[in-house]
Amino acid sequence: MGCKAAWAAAREIDGKSLLLMTRNDVLTGLQLKLGPALKIYEYHVKPLQTKHLKNSSS
């Protein structure tokens, strides 16, 4: 597992939970500093959610 996924594994976040997370969940619920939390949301959570929505609507 890459270090990019370590934050999710350490908090036992699975794929379904990740798709349901809001920006606020990431910023406040993961107990991370603001900068890393924003990067996780913008570069990992949001793109996965967008990709999932595109795949489920096709």
PDB file of N, CA and C in Angstrom:
ATOM      1  N   MET A   1       0.853  -1.176   0.000  1.00  0.00           N
ATOM      2  CA  MET A   1       0.000   0.000   0.000  1.00  0.00           C
ATOM      3  C   MET A   1       0.894   1.232   0.000  1.00  0.00           C
ATOM      4  N   GLY A   2       0.567   2.215  -0.839  1.00  0.00           N
ATOM      5  CA  GLY A   2       1.351   3.430  -0.915  1.00  0.00           C
ATOM      6  C   GLY A   2       1.084   4.350   0.262  1.00  0.00           C
ATOM      7  N   CYS A   3       1.981   5.292   0.478  1.00  0.00           N
ATOM      8  CA  CYS A   3       1.808   6.196   1.609  1.00  0.00           C
ATOM      9  C   CYS A   3       0.613   7.118   1.408  1.00  0.00           C
ATOM     10  N   LYS A   4       0.159   7.276   0.148  1.00  0.00           N
ATOM     11  CA  LYS A   4      -1.018   8.100  -0.097  1.00  0.00           C
ATOM     12  C   LYS A   4      -2.274   7.462   0.487  1.00  0.00           C
ATOM     13  N   ALA A   5      -2.294   6.145   0.590  1.00  0.00           N
ATOM     14  CA  ALA A   5      -3.459   5.439   1.122  1.00  0.00           C
ATOM     15  C   ALA A   5      -3.319   5.147   2.609  1.00  0.00           C
ATOM     16  N   ALA A   6      -2.180   5.442   3.190  1.00  0.00           N
ATOM     17  CA  ALA A   6      -1.942   5.115   4.592  1.00  0.00           C
ATOM     18  C   ALA A   6      -2.904   5.831   5.531  1.00  0.00           C
ATOM     19  N   TRP A   7      -3.280   7.054   5.209  1.00  0.00           N
ATOM     20  CA  TRP A   7      -4.195   7.790   6.081  1.00  0.00           C
ATOM     21  C   TRP A   7      -5.547   7.094   6.156  1.00  0.00           C
ATOM     22  N   ALA A   8      -6.017   6.534   5.060  1.00  0.00           N
ATOM     23  CA  ALA A   8      -7.307   5.842   5.044  1.00  0.00           C
ATOM     24  C   ALA A   8      -7.211   4.514   5.779  1.00  0.00           C
ATOM     25  N   ALA A   9      -6.150   3.787   5.554  1.00  0.00           N
ATOM     26  CA  ALA A   9      -5.982   2.493   6.212  1.00  0.00           C
ATOM     27  C   ALA A   9      -5.828   2.664   7.716  1.00  0.00           C
ATOM     28  N   ALA A  10      -5.106   3.690   8.131  1.00  0.00           N
ATOM     29  CA  ALA A  10      -4.895   3.924   9.557  1.00  0.00           C
ATOM     30  C   ALA A  10      -6.198   4.261  10.270  1.00  0.00           C
ATOM     31  N   ARG A  11      -7.152   4.813   9.534  1.00  0.00           N
ATOM     32  CA  ARG A  11      -8.437   5.188  10.129  1.00  0.00           C
ATOM     33  C   ARG A  11      -9.548   4.209   9.751  1.00  0.00           C
ATOM     34  N   GLU A  12      -9.159   3.101   9.132  1.00  0.00           N
ATOM     35  CA  GLU A  12     -10.084   2.039   8.731  1.00  0.00           C
ATOM     36  C   GLU A  12     -11.224   2.560   7.853  1.00  0.00           C
ATOM     37  N   ILE A  13     -10.858   3.378   6.866  1.00  0.00           N
ATOM     38  CA  ILE A  13     -11.837   3.927   5.928  1.00  0.00           C
ATOM     39  C   ILE A  13     -11.838   3.045   4.691  1.00  0.00           C
ATOM     40  N   ASP A  14     -12.995   2.473   4.378  1.00  0.00           N
ATOM     41  CA  ASP A  14     -13.084   1.627   3.191  1.00  0.00           C
ATOM     42  C   ASP A  14     -13.599   2.445   2.011  1.00  0.00           C
ATOM     43  N   GLY A  15     -13.724   1.811   0.871  1.00  0.00           N
ATOM     44  CA  GLY A  15     -14.128   2.505  -0.349  1.00  0.00           C
ATOM     45  C   GLY A  15     -15.495   3.144  -0.267  1.00  0.00           C
ATOM     46  N   LYS A  16     -16.457   2.434   0.325  1.00  0.00           N
ATOM     47  CA  LYS A  16     -17.808   2.982   0.435  1.00  0.00           C
ATOM     48  C   LYS A  16     -17.823   4.215   1.325  1.00  0.00           C
ATOM     49  N   SER A  17     -17.105   4.151   2.439  1.00  0.00           N
ATOM     50  CA  SER A  17     -17.036   5.299   3.341  1.00  0.00           C
ATOM     51  C   SER A  17     -16.389   6.491   2.656  1.00  0.00           C
ATOM     52  N   LEU A  18     -15.359   6.222   1.893  1.00  0.00           N
ATOM     53  CA  LEU A  18     -14.644   7.279   1.182  1.00  0.00           C
ATOM     54  C   LEU A  18     -15.565   8.003   0.209  1.00  0.00           C
ATOM     55  N   LEU A  19     -16.406   7.255  -0.486  1.00  0.00           N
ATOM     56  CA  LEU A  19     -17.322   7.861  -1.453  1.00  0.00           C
ATOM     57  C   LEU A  19     -18.395   8.709  -0.784  1.00  0.00           C
ATOM     58  N   LEU A  20     -18.677   8.447   0.483  1.00  0.00           N
ATOM     59  CA  LEU A  20     -19.709   9.192   1.203  1.00  0.00           C
ATOM     60  C   LEU A  20     -19.163  10.394   1.970  1.00  0.00           C
ATOM     61  N   MET A  21     -17.856  10.530   2.043  1.00  0.00           N
ATOM     62  CA  MET A  21     -17.258  11.603   2.839  1.00  0.00           C
ATOM     63  C   MET A  21     -17.466  12.969   2.193  1.00  0.00           C
ATOM     64  N   THR A  22     -17.784  13.937   3.027  1.00  0.00           N
ATOM     65  CA  THR A  22     -17.891  15.322   2.574  1.00  0.00           C
ATOM     66  C   THR A  22     -16.564  16.031   2.865  1.00  0.00           C
ATOM     67  N   ARG A  23     -16.433  17.204   2.325  1.00  0.00           N
ATOM     68  CA  ARG A  23     -15.224  17.998   2.587  1.00  0.00           C
ATOM     69  C   ARG A  23     -15.081  18.245   4.084  1.00  0.00           C
ATOM     70  N   ASN A  24     -16.188  18.540   4.740  1.00  0.00           N
ATOM     71  CA  ASN A  24     -16.167  18.791   6.178  1.00  0.00           C
ATOM     72  C   ASN A  24     -15.729  17.542   6.951  1.00  0.00           C
ATOM     73  N   ASP A  25     -16.170  16.375   6.519  1.00  0.00           N
ATOM     74  CA  ASP A  25     -15.749  15.129   7.169  1.00  0.00           C
ATOM     75  C   ASP A  25     -14.233  14.986   7.132  1.00  0.00           C
ATOM     76  N   VAL A  26     -13.655  15.276   5.987  1.00  0.00           N
ATOM     77  CA  VAL A  26     -12.204  15.147   5.834  1.00  0.00           C
ATOM     78  C   VAL A  26     -11.485  16.195   6.677  1.00  0.00           C
ATOM     79  N   LEU A  27     -11.982  17.423   6.671  1.00  0.00           N
ATOM     80  CA  LEU A  27     -11.301  18.505   7.385  1.00  0.00           C
ATOM     81  C   LEU A  27     -11.396  18.370   8.894  1.00  0.00           C
ATOM     82  N   THR A  28     -12.511  17.865   9.399  1.00  0.00           N
ATOM     83  CA  THR A  28     -12.691  17.824  10.851  1.00  0.00           C
ATOM     84  C   THR A  28     -12.634  16.420  11.442  1.00  0.00           C
ATOM     85  N   GLY A  29     -13.060  15.440  10.703  1.00  0.00           N
ATOM     86  CA  GLY A  29     -13.183  14.104  11.270  1.00  0.00           C
ATOM     87  C   GLY A  29     -11.932  13.256  11.245  1.00  0.00           C
ATOM     88  N   LEU A  30     -10.974  13.583  10.403  1.00  0.00           N
ATOM     89  CA  LEU A  30      -9.783  12.745  10.271  1.00  0.00           C
ATOM     90  C   LEU A  30      -8.655  13.142  11.207  1.00  0.00           C
ATOM     91  N   GLN A  31      -8.831  14.219  11.926  1.00  0.00           N
ATOM     92  CA  GLN A  31      -7.828  14.704  12.875  1.00  0.00           C
ATOM     93  C   GLN A  31      -6.470  14.916  12.206  1.00  0.00           C
ATOM     94  N   LEU A  32      -6.517  15.568  11.048  1.00  0.00           N
ATOM     95  CA  LEU A  32      -5.305  15.926  10.317  1.00  0.00           C
ATOM     96  C   LEU A  32      -5.154  17.440  10.324  1.00  0.00           C
ATOM     97  N   LYS A  33      -3.958  17.908  10.045  1.00  0.00           N
ATOM     98  CA  LYS A  33      -3.756  19.345   9.886  1.00  0.00           C
ATOM     99  C   LYS A  33      -4.506  19.804   8.647  1.00  0.00           C
ATOM    100  N   LEU A  34      -4.838  21.087   8.600  1.00  0.00           N
ATOM    101  CA  LEU A  34      -5.664  21.632   7.530  1.00  0.00           C
ATOM    102  C   LEU A  34      -5.073  21.403   6.142  1.00  0.00           C
ATOM    103  N   GLY A  35      -3.804  21.697   5.952  1.00  0.00           N
ATOM    104  CA  GLY A  35      -3.174  21.552   4.634  1.00  0.00           C
ATOM    105  C   GLY A  35      -3.257  20.135   4.083  1.00  0.00           C
ATOM    106  N   PRO A  36      -2.782  19.142   4.846  1.00  0.00           N
ATOM    107  CA  PRO A  36      -2.883  17.763   4.360  1.00  0.00           C
ATOM    108  C   PRO A  36      -4.324  17.304   4.155  1.00  0.00           C
ATOM    109  N   ALA A  37      -5.230  17.731   5.016  1.00  0.00           N
ATOM    110  CA  ALA A  37      -6.637  17.339   4.876  1.00  0.00           C
ATOM    111  C   ALA A  37      -7.227  17.898   3.584  1.00  0.00           C
ATOM    112  N   LEU A  38      -6.910  19.152   3.266  1.00  0.00           N
ATOM    113  CA  LEU A  38      -7.399  19.744   2.019  1.00  0.00           C
ATOM    114  C   LEU A  38      -6.840  19.015   0.802  1.00  0.00           C
ATOM    115  N   LYS A  39      -5.566  18.670   0.845  1.00  0.00           N
ATOM    116  CA  LYS A  39      -4.957  17.946  -0.272  1.00  0.00           C
ATOM    117  C   LYS A  39      -5.587  16.572  -0.440  1.00  0.00           C
ATOM    118  N   ILE A  40      -5.835  15.886   0.651  1.00  0.00           N
ATOM    119  CA  ILE A  40      -6.472  14.568   0.580  1.00  0.00           C
ATOM    120  C   ILE A  40      -7.841  14.689  -0.062  1.00  0.00           C
ATOM    121  N   TYR A  41      -8.605  15.691   0.350  1.00  0.00           N
ATOM    122  CA  TYR A  41      -9.943  15.845  -0.218  1.00  0.00           C
ATOM    123  C   TYR A  41      -9.873  16.205  -1.702  1.00  0.00           C
ATOM    124  N   GLU A  42      -9.089  17.221  -2.034  1.00  0.00           N
ATOM    125  CA  GLU A  42      -9.045  17.719  -3.412  1.00  0.00           C
ATOM    126  C   GLU A  42      -8.402  16.749  -4.399  1.00  0.00           C
ATOM    127  N   TYR A  43      -7.359  16.041  -3.974  1.00  0.00           N
ATOM    128  CA  TYR A  43      -6.610  15.194  -4.907  1.00  0.00           C
ATOM    129  C   TYR A  43      -6.981  13.720  -4.856  1.00  0.00           C
ATOM    130  N   HIS A  44      -7.707  13.303  -3.823  1.00  0.00           N
ATOM    131  CA  HIS A  44      -8.026  11.879  -3.693  1.00  0.00           C
ATOM    132  C   HIS A  44      -9.524  11.621  -3.569  1.00  0.00           C
ATOM    133  N   VAL A  45     -10.156  12.222  -2.572  1.00  0.00           N
ATOM    134  CA  VAL A  45     -11.573  11.935  -2.315  1.00  0.00           C
ATOM    135  C   VAL A  45     -12.460  12.479  -3.431  1.00  0.00           C
ATOM    136  N   LYS A  46     -12.330  13.748  -3.740  1.00  0.00           N
ATOM    137  CA  LYS A  46     -13.186  14.381  -4.745  1.00  0.00           C
ATOM    138  C   LYS A  46     -13.058  13.730  -6.126  1.00  0.00           C
ATOM    139  N   PRO A  47     -11.836  13.469  -6.628  1.00  0.00           N
ATOM    140  CA  PRO A  47     -11.735  12.793  -7.930  1.00  0.00           C
ATOM    141  C   PRO A  47     -12.351  11.394  -7.932  1.00  0.00           C
ATOM    142  N   LEU A  48     -12.191  10.647  -6.845  1.00  0.00           N
ATOM    143  CA  LEU A  48     -12.799   9.317  -6.776  1.00  0.00           C
ATOM    144  C   LEU A  48     -14.318   9.406  -6.794  1.00  0.00           C
ATOM    145  N   GLN A  49     -14.864  10.382  -6.072  1.00  0.00           N
ATOM    146  CA  GLN A  49     -16.314  10.564  -6.055  1.00  0.00           C
ATOM    147  C   GLN A  49     -16.821  10.955  -7.437  1.00  0.00           C
ATOM    148  N   THR A  50     -16.114  11.843  -8.108  1.00  0.00           N
ATOM    149  CA  THR A  50     -16.501  12.275  -9.452  1.00  0.00           C
ATOM    150  C   THR A  50     -16.451  11.104 -10.428  1.00  0.00           C
ATOM    151  N   LYS A  51     -15.390  10.328 -10.364  1.00  0.00           N
ATOM    152  CA  LYS A  51     -15.249   9.162 -11.240  1.00  0.00           C
ATOM    153  C   LYS A  51     -16.368   8.152 -10.978  1.00  0.00           C
ATOM    154  N   HIS A  52     -16.694   7.933  -9.720  1.00  0.00           N
ATOM    155  CA  HIS A  52     -17.754   6.985  -9.363  1.00  0.00           C
ATOM    156  C   HIS A  52     -19.106   7.465  -9.890  1.00  0.00           C
ATOM    157  N   LEU A  53     -19.376   8.764  -9.775  1.00  0.00           N
ATOM    158  CA  LEU A  53     -20.646   9.302 -10.270  1.00  0.00           C
ATOM    159  C   LEU A  53     -20.752   9.155 -11.783  1.00  0.00           C
ATOM    160  N   LYS A  54     -19.653   9.390 -12.492  1.00  0.00           N
ATOM    161  CA  LYS A  54     -19.664   9.244 -13.955  1.00  0.00           C
ATOM    162  C   LYS A  54     -19.901   7.796 -14.351  1.00  0.00           C
ATOM    163  N   ASN A  55     -19.272   6.862 -13.645  1.00  0.00           N
ATOM    164  CA  ASN A  55     -19.427   5.440 -13.957  1.00  0.00           C
ATOM    165  C   ASN A  55     -20.819   4.926 -13.627  1.00  0.00           C
ATOM    166  N   SER A  56     -21.412   5.415 -12.551  1.00  0.00           N
ATOM    167  CA  SER A  56     -22.731   4.922 -12.155  1.00  0.00           C
ATOM    168  C   SER A  56     -23.844   5.524 -12.999  1.00  0.00           C
ATOM    169  N   SER A  57     -23.591   6.665 -13.645  1.00  0.00           N
ATOM    170  CA  SER A  57     -24.623   7.276 -14.482  1.00  0.00           C
ATOM    171  C   SER A  57     -24.589   6.758 -15.917  1.00  0.00           C
ATOM    172  N   SER A  58     -23.538   6.044 -16.297  1.00  0.00           N
ATOM    173  CA  SER A  58     -23.439   5.521 -17.667  1.00  0.00           C
ATOM    174  C   SER A  58     -24.206   4.240 -17.825  1.00  0.00           C
TER     175      SER A  58
END
